[in-house]
C-alpha atoms as a PDB file:
ATOM      1  CA  MET A   1       5.845 144.292  -8.688  1.00  0.00           C
ATOM      2  CA  THR A   2       6.604 146.144  -5.303  1.00  0.00           C
ATOM      3  CA  THR A   3       7.732 149.275  -6.446  1.00  0.00           C
ATOM      4  CA  HIS A   4       9.974 151.728  -4.437  1.00  0.00           C
ATOM      5  CA  ILE A   5      10.171 155.368  -5.343  1.00  0.00           C
ATOM      6  CA  ILE A   6      13.518 156.752  -4.704  1.00  0.00           C
ATOM      7  CA  HIS A   7      13.367 161.148  -4.929  1.00  0.00           C
ATOM      8  CA  PHE A   8      16.791 162.419  -5.867  1.00  0.00           C
ATOM      9  CA  THR A   9      16.982 166.185  -5.468  1.00  0.00           C
ATOM     10  CA  GLY A  10      20.534 167.735  -5.101  1.00  0.00           C
ATOM     11  CA  PRO A  11      23.771 167.698  -6.883  1.00  0.00           C
ATOM     12  CA  ILE A  12      25.581 164.953  -7.901  1.00  0.00           C
ATOM     13  CA  ASN A  13      28.720 164.377  -5.566  1.00  0.00           C
ATOM     14  CA  SER A  14      30.319 162.140  -3.140  1.00  0.00           C
ATOM     15  CA  SER A  15      27.605 162.314  -0.670  1.00  0.00           C
ATOM     16  CA  THR A  16      24.471 162.032  -2.500  1.00  0.00           C
ATOM     17  CA  CYS A  17      26.521 159.375  -4.604  1.00  0.00           C
ATOM     18  CA  GLY A  18      27.044 157.001  -1.526  1.00  0.00           C
ATOM     19  CA  ASN A  19      23.325 158.063  -0.153  1.00  0.00           C
ATOM     20  CA  LEU A  20      21.854 156.973  -3.423  1.00  0.00           C
ATOM     21  CA  ILE A  21      23.804 153.652  -3.064  1.00  0.00           C
ATOM     22  CA  THR A  22      22.974 153.190   0.612  1.00  0.00           C
ATOM     23  CA  THR A  23      18.858 154.136  -0.223  1.00  0.00           C
ATOM     24  CA  CYS A  24      18.861 151.536  -3.316  1.00  0.00           C
ATOM     25  CA  SER A  25      20.780 148.539  -1.246  1.00  0.00           C
ATOM     26  CA  ARG A  26      18.063 149.654   1.661  1.00  0.00           C
ATOM     27  CA  ALA A  27      15.379 149.419  -0.780  1.00  0.00           C
ATOM     28  CA  LEU A  28      16.515 145.902  -1.936  1.00  0.00           C
ATOM     29  CA  GLN A  29      17.249 144.492   1.409  1.00  0.00           C
ATOM     30  CA  GLN A  30      12.952 145.606   1.836  1.00  0.00           C
ATOM     31  CA  GLY A  31      12.038 143.755  -1.034  1.00  0.00           C
ATOM     32  CA  ALA A  32      11.699 146.177  -3.663  1.00  0.00           C
ATOM     33  CA  GLU A  33      11.246 144.655  -7.199  1.00  0.00           C
ATOM     34  CA  ARG A  34      11.418 147.786  -9.268  1.00  0.00           C
ATOM     35  CA  LEU A  35      13.032 151.469  -8.495  1.00  0.00           C
ATOM     36  CA  GLN A  36      11.482 154.389  -9.722  1.00  0.00           C
ATOM     37  CA  LEU A  37      14.315 157.150  -9.477  1.00  0.00           C
ATOM     38  CA  ASN A  38      12.161 160.757  -9.753  1.00  0.00           C
ATOM     39  CA  ILE A  39      15.447 163.438 -10.443  1.00  0.00           C
ATOM     40  CA  ALA A  40      15.414 167.046 -10.119  1.00  0.00           C
ATOM     41  CA  THR A  41      19.221 168.116 -10.233  1.00  0.00           C
ATOM     42  CA  MET A  42      21.543 170.785 -11.823  1.00  0.00           C
ATOM     43  CA  GLY A  43      24.089 167.953 -12.198  1.00  0.00           C
ATOM     44  CA  GLY A  44      27.352 167.664 -10.388  1.00  0.00           C
ATOM     45  CA  GLU A  45      30.823 165.757 -10.748  1.00  0.00           C
ATOM     46  CA  CYS A  46      31.448 163.349 -13.629  1.00  0.00           C
ATOM     47  CA  SER A  47      32.858 160.668 -11.613  1.00  0.00           C
ATOM     48  CA  TYR A  48      30.080 160.560  -9.085  1.00  0.00           C
ATOM     49  CA  GLY A  49      27.526 160.782 -12.391  1.00  0.00           C
ATOM     50  CA  PHE A  50      29.190 157.889 -13.889  1.00  0.00           C
ATOM     51  CA  SER A  51      30.086 155.953 -10.714  1.00  0.00           C
ATOM     52  CA  LEU A  52      25.891 156.282 -10.479  1.00  0.00           C
ATOM     53  CA  TYR A  53      25.313 155.304 -13.676  1.00  0.00           C
ATOM     54  CA  ASN A  54      26.847 152.291 -13.724  1.00  0.00           C
ATOM     55  CA  PHE A  55      25.613 151.397 -10.429  1.00  0.00           C
ATOM     56  CA  LEU A  56      22.129 151.599 -10.983  1.00  0.00           C
ATOM     57  CA  ARG A  57      22.527 149.800 -14.450  1.00  0.00           C
ATOM     58  CA  SER A  58      24.563 146.820 -12.363  1.00  0.00           C
ATOM     59  CA  LEU A  59      21.400 146.776 -10.091  1.00  0.00           C
ATOM     60  CA  PRO A  60      19.347 142.971 -10.355  1.00  0.00           C
ATOM     61  CA  ILE A  61      15.804 144.912 -10.834  1.00  0.00           C
ATOM     62  CA  ARG A  62      14.524 146.967 -12.999  1.00  0.00           C
ATOM     63  CA  VAL A  63      15.247 151.053 -12.423  1.00  0.00           C
ATOM     64  CA  ASP A  64      13.064 153.687 -14.435  1.00  0.00           C
ATOM     65  CA  THR A  65      13.663 157.243 -14.393  1.00  0.00           C
ATOM     66  CA  HIS A  66      11.666 160.754 -14.113  1.00  0.00           C
ATOM     67  CA  ASN A  67      12.465 164.411 -14.343  1.00  0.00           C
ATOM     68  CA  LEU A  68      10.743 166.056 -11.949  1.00  0.00           C
ATOM     69  CA  GLY A  69      11.508 169.624 -13.243  1.00  0.00           C
ATOM     70  CA  THR A  70      15.339 169.894 -13.977  1.00  0.00           C
ATOM     71  CA  VAL A  71      17.684 167.286 -15.302  1.00  0.00           C
ATOM     72  CA  GLU A  72      21.096 169.235 -16.390  1.00  0.00           C
ATOM     73  CA  SER A  73      24.461 168.291 -16.900  1.00  0.00           C
ATOM     74  CA  MET A  74      25.536 165.242 -15.355  1.00  0.00           C
ATOM     75  CA  GLY A  75      22.447 164.805 -14.080  1.00  0.00           C
ATOM     76  CA  ASN A  76      21.145 163.301 -17.766  1.00  0.00           C
ATOM     77  CA  ILE A  77      24.207 160.401 -17.318  1.00  0.00           C
ATOM     78  CA  LEU A  78      22.486 159.659 -14.458  1.00  0.00           C
ATOM     79  CA  PHE A  79      18.610 159.959 -15.822  1.00  0.00           C
ATOM     80  CA  LEU A  80      19.888 157.631 -19.027  1.00  0.00           C
ATOM     81  CA  ALA A  81      19.947 154.727 -16.485  1.00  0.00           C
ATOM     82  CA  GLY A  82      16.454 154.103 -16.263  1.00  0.00           C
ATOM     83  CA  GLU A  83      14.933 151.835 -18.444  1.00  0.00           C
ATOM     84  CA  HIS A  84      11.867 153.272 -18.912  1.00  0.00           C
ATOM     85  CA  ARG A  85      12.275 157.101 -18.666  1.00  0.00           C
ATOM     86  CA  THR A  86       9.419 159.832 -18.640  1.00  0.00           C
ATOM     87  CA  ALA A  87       9.636 163.522 -17.614  1.00  0.00           C
ATOM     88  CA  CYS A  88       6.828 166.197 -16.291  1.00  0.00           C
ATOM     89  CA  ALA A  89       5.403 168.380 -19.267  1.00  0.00           C
ATOM     90  CA  LEU A  90       6.961 171.651 -17.563  1.00  0.00           C
ATOM     91  CA  SER A  91      10.667 169.988 -17.271  1.00  0.00           C
ATOM     92  CA  LYS A  92      13.754 170.485 -19.397  1.00  0.00           C
ATOM     93  CA  PHE A  93      17.142 168.726 -19.949  1.00  0.00           C
ATOM     94  CA  LEU A  94      20.451 170.326 -20.005  1.00  0.00           C
ATOM     95  CA  PHE A  95      23.393 169.817 -21.879  1.00  0.00           C
ATOM     96  CA  HIS A  96      26.031 172.353 -21.422  1.00  0.00           C
ATOM     97  CA  PRO A  97      30.071 172.425 -21.488  1.00  0.00           C
ATOM     98  CA  PHE A  98      31.864 170.713 -18.519  1.00  0.00           C
ATOM     99  CA  HIS A  99      33.940 172.943 -16.606  1.00  0.00           C
ATOM    100  CA  TRP A 100      36.400 172.116 -13.264  1.00  0.00           C
ATOM    101  CA  ASN A 101      37.163 174.116 -10.564  1.00  0.00           C
ATOM    102  CA  LEU A 102      41.059 174.804 -10.175  1.00  0.00           C
ATOM    103  CA  HIS A 103      42.426 175.199  -6.784  1.00  0.00           C
ATOM    104  CA  GLY A 104      46.140 176.898  -6.269  1.00  0.00           C
ATOM    105  CA  SER A 105      48.730 176.394  -9.117  1.00  0.00           C
ATOM    106  CA  VAL A 106      48.831 173.881 -11.726  1.00  0.00           C
ATOM    107  CA  ASP A 107      51.606 172.447 -13.530  1.00  0.00           C
ATOM    108  CA  HIS A 108      52.099 171.834 -17.273  1.00  0.00           C
ATOM    109  CA  ALA A 109      51.788 167.386 -16.583  1.00  0.00           C
ATOM    110  CA  ARG A 110      48.709 168.093 -14.248  1.00  0.00           C
ATOM    111  CA  MET A 111      47.043 170.494 -16.821  1.00  0.00           C
ATOM    112  CA  ALA A 112      47.528 167.974 -19.601  1.00  0.00           C
ATOM    113  CA  GLU A 113      45.804 165.346 -16.966  1.00  0.00           C
ATOM    114  CA  TYR A 114      43.029 167.771 -16.228  1.00  0.00           C
ATOM    115  CA  ALA A 115      42.750 168.013 -20.424  1.00  0.00           C
ATOM    116  CA  MET A 116      42.868 164.180 -20.809  1.00  0.00           C
ATOM    117  CA  SER A 117      40.293 163.574 -18.299  1.00  0.00           C
ATOM    118  CA  LEU A 118      37.671 166.075 -19.608  1.00  0.00           C
ATOM    119  CA  ASP A 119      38.171 164.893 -23.089  1.00  0.00           C
ATOM    120  CA  TYR A 120      37.677 161.048 -21.656  1.00  0.00           C
ATOM    121  CA  ASP A 121      34.632 161.916 -19.534  1.00  0.00           C
ATOM    122  CA  LEU A 122      33.125 163.862 -22.686  1.00  0.00           C
ATOM    123  CA  LEU A 123      33.664 160.640 -24.685  1.00  0.00           C
ATOM    124  CA  LEU A 124      31.981 158.395 -22.034  1.00  0.00           C
ATOM    125  CA  TYR A 125      29.014 161.085 -21.583  1.00  0.00           C
ATOM    126  CA  ALA A 126      28.398 160.847 -25.521  1.00  0.00           C
ATOM    127  CA  GLN A 127      28.747 156.772 -25.596  1.00  0.00           C
ATOM    128  CA  ILE A 128      26.319 156.677 -23.096  1.00  0.00           C
ATOM    129  CA  VAL A 129      23.772 159.450 -24.471  1.00  0.00           C
ATOM    130  CA  ALA A 130      24.470 157.340 -28.001  1.00  0.00           C
ATOM    131  CA  GLU A 131      23.628 154.261 -26.567  1.00  0.00           C
ATOM    132  CA  ARG A 132      20.565 155.275 -24.764  1.00  0.00           C
ATOM    133  CA  THR A 133      18.910 156.745 -27.260  1.00  0.00           C
ATOM    134  CA  GLU A 134      19.597 154.683 -29.921  1.00  0.00           C
ATOM    135  CA  GLY A 135      17.237 154.903 -32.982  1.00  0.00           C
ATOM    136  CA  ALA A 136      15.692 157.866 -31.956  1.00  0.00           C
ATOM    137  CA  GLU A 137      14.000 159.789 -34.581  1.00  0.00           C
ATOM    138  CA  GLN A 138      16.516 162.437 -34.042  1.00  0.00           C
ATOM    139  CA  VAL A 139      20.411 162.604 -32.806  1.00  0.00           C
ATOM    140  CA  LEU A 140      21.705 164.597 -30.079  1.00  0.00           C
ATOM    141  CA  ASP A 141      25.169 166.260 -30.632  1.00  0.00           C
ATOM    142  CA  ILE A 142      26.726 165.335 -27.428  1.00  0.00           C
ATOM    143  CA  PRO A 143      29.941 166.222 -28.408  1.00  0.00           C
ATOM    144  CA  ARG A 144      28.803 170.155 -29.616  1.00  0.00           C
ATOM    145  CA  TYR A 145      26.641 170.423 -26.858  1.00  0.00           C
ATOM    146  CA  LEU A 146      29.271 169.793 -24.405  1.00  0.00           C
ATOM    147  CA  MET A 147      32.022 171.454 -25.646  1.00  0.00           C
ATOM    148  CA  SER A 148      30.713 174.993 -27.019  1.00  0.00           C
ATOM    149  CA  HIS A 149      26.689 175.243 -27.414  1.00  0.00           C
ATOM    150  CA  PRO A 150      24.590 174.300 -24.710  1.00  0.00           C
ATOM    151  CA  ARG A 151      20.896 172.897 -25.315  1.00  0.00           C
ATOM    152  CA  ILE A 152      17.735 172.946 -23.498  1.00  0.00           C
ATOM    153  CA  VAL A 153      15.654 169.987 -24.543  1.00  0.00           C
ATOM    154  CA  THR A 154      11.982 170.175 -23.510  1.00  0.00           C
ATOM    155  CA  PRO A 155      10.120 166.874 -22.761  1.00  0.00           C
ATOM    156  CA  ASP A 156       8.476 166.839 -26.338  1.00  0.00           C
ATOM    157  CA  GLU A 157      12.073 167.156 -27.746  1.00  0.00           C
ATOM    158  CA  ALA A 158      13.122 164.850 -25.373  1.00  0.00           C
ATOM    159  CA  ILE A 159      10.920 162.425 -27.006  1.00  0.00           C
ATOM    160  CA  LEU A 160      11.898 162.591 -30.361  1.00  0.00           C
ATOM    161  CA  CYS A 161      15.556 162.081 -29.270  1.00  0.00           C
ATOM    162  CA  GLY A 162      14.990 159.012 -27.294  1.00  0.00           C
ATOM    163  CA  LEU A 163      15.912 160.671 -23.817  1.00  0.00           C
ATOM    164  CA  ILE A 164      12.044 159.475 -22.619  1.00  0.00           C
ATOM    165  CA  GLN A 165       9.419 156.908 -23.887  1.00  0.00           C
ATOM    166  CA  ALA A 166       6.744 159.479 -22.283  1.00  0.00           C
ATOM    167  CA  ILE A 167       5.682 162.479 -20.777  1.00  0.00           C
ATOM    168  CA  ASP A 168       3.721 161.734 -17.339  1.00  0.00           C
ATOM    169  CA  ASP A 169       2.788 164.330 -14.901  1.00  0.00           C
ATOM    170  CA  SER A 170       1.681 161.692 -11.951  1.00  0.00           C
ATOM    171  CA  PRO A 171       4.207 159.088 -11.376  1.00  0.00           C
ATOM    172  CA  MET A 172       3.444 157.881  -7.852  1.00  0.00           C
ATOM    173  CA  GLY A 173       1.129 155.693  -6.881  1.00  0.00           C
ATOM    174  CA  ALA A 174      -0.189 155.931  -3.222  1.00  0.00           C
ATOM    175  CA  ASP A 175       0.736 152.566  -2.302  1.00  0.00           C
ATOM    176  CA  VAL A 176       4.582 152.844  -2.967  1.00  0.00           C
ATOM    177  CA  THR A 177       7.409 153.182  -0.322  1.00  0.00           C
ATOM    178  CA  GLN A 178       9.523 156.301  -0.727  1.00  0.00           C
ATOM    179  CA  TRP A 179      13.127 157.210  -0.055  1.00  0.00           C
ATOM    180  CA  SER A 180      14.248 160.606  -0.542  1.00  0.00           C
ATOM    181  CA  VAL A 181      18.047 161.475  -1.422  1.00  0.00           C
ATOM    182  CA  HIS A 182      19.232 165.364  -1.254  1.00  0.00           C
ATOM    183  CA  ALA A 183      21.724 167.863  -0.559  1.00  0.00           C
END
């Protein structure tokens, strides 16, 4: 099986979203039969995180993910797109409340729209985590983490919570094609 590794090291935004989609497409054109996405991200924008999750899940080949050191915030959704998920022993997962930057004045209708979007993003986030960690020994309380009580999950805890299947510090073979997507 021909594996291509993509290193994703940066924020989740319009630029890195487009670059990851392009890189995955190029890997497929070059005969990749499996992608391994190595991730180091502090997260980013919800809309692009959900888009990347859906894109990766729709690919016609297997996609596995690996935590290179830190997967935070919306990075957890990107990470959960993987079938087989691993993490380095010295890594972490961070879940914390959503926040938006508002520019300029905001009227009541726009504020209501923002609140509705935040609520729906929280619902989608919790649904994805629940689906991808179903049957885990410990259940993550995603609504609590995203609204008021942030949580860091260690690799050992991540196994119990179903975020990862294994701790693995050497997920790269010397003979694989490697790509990079970064800010």
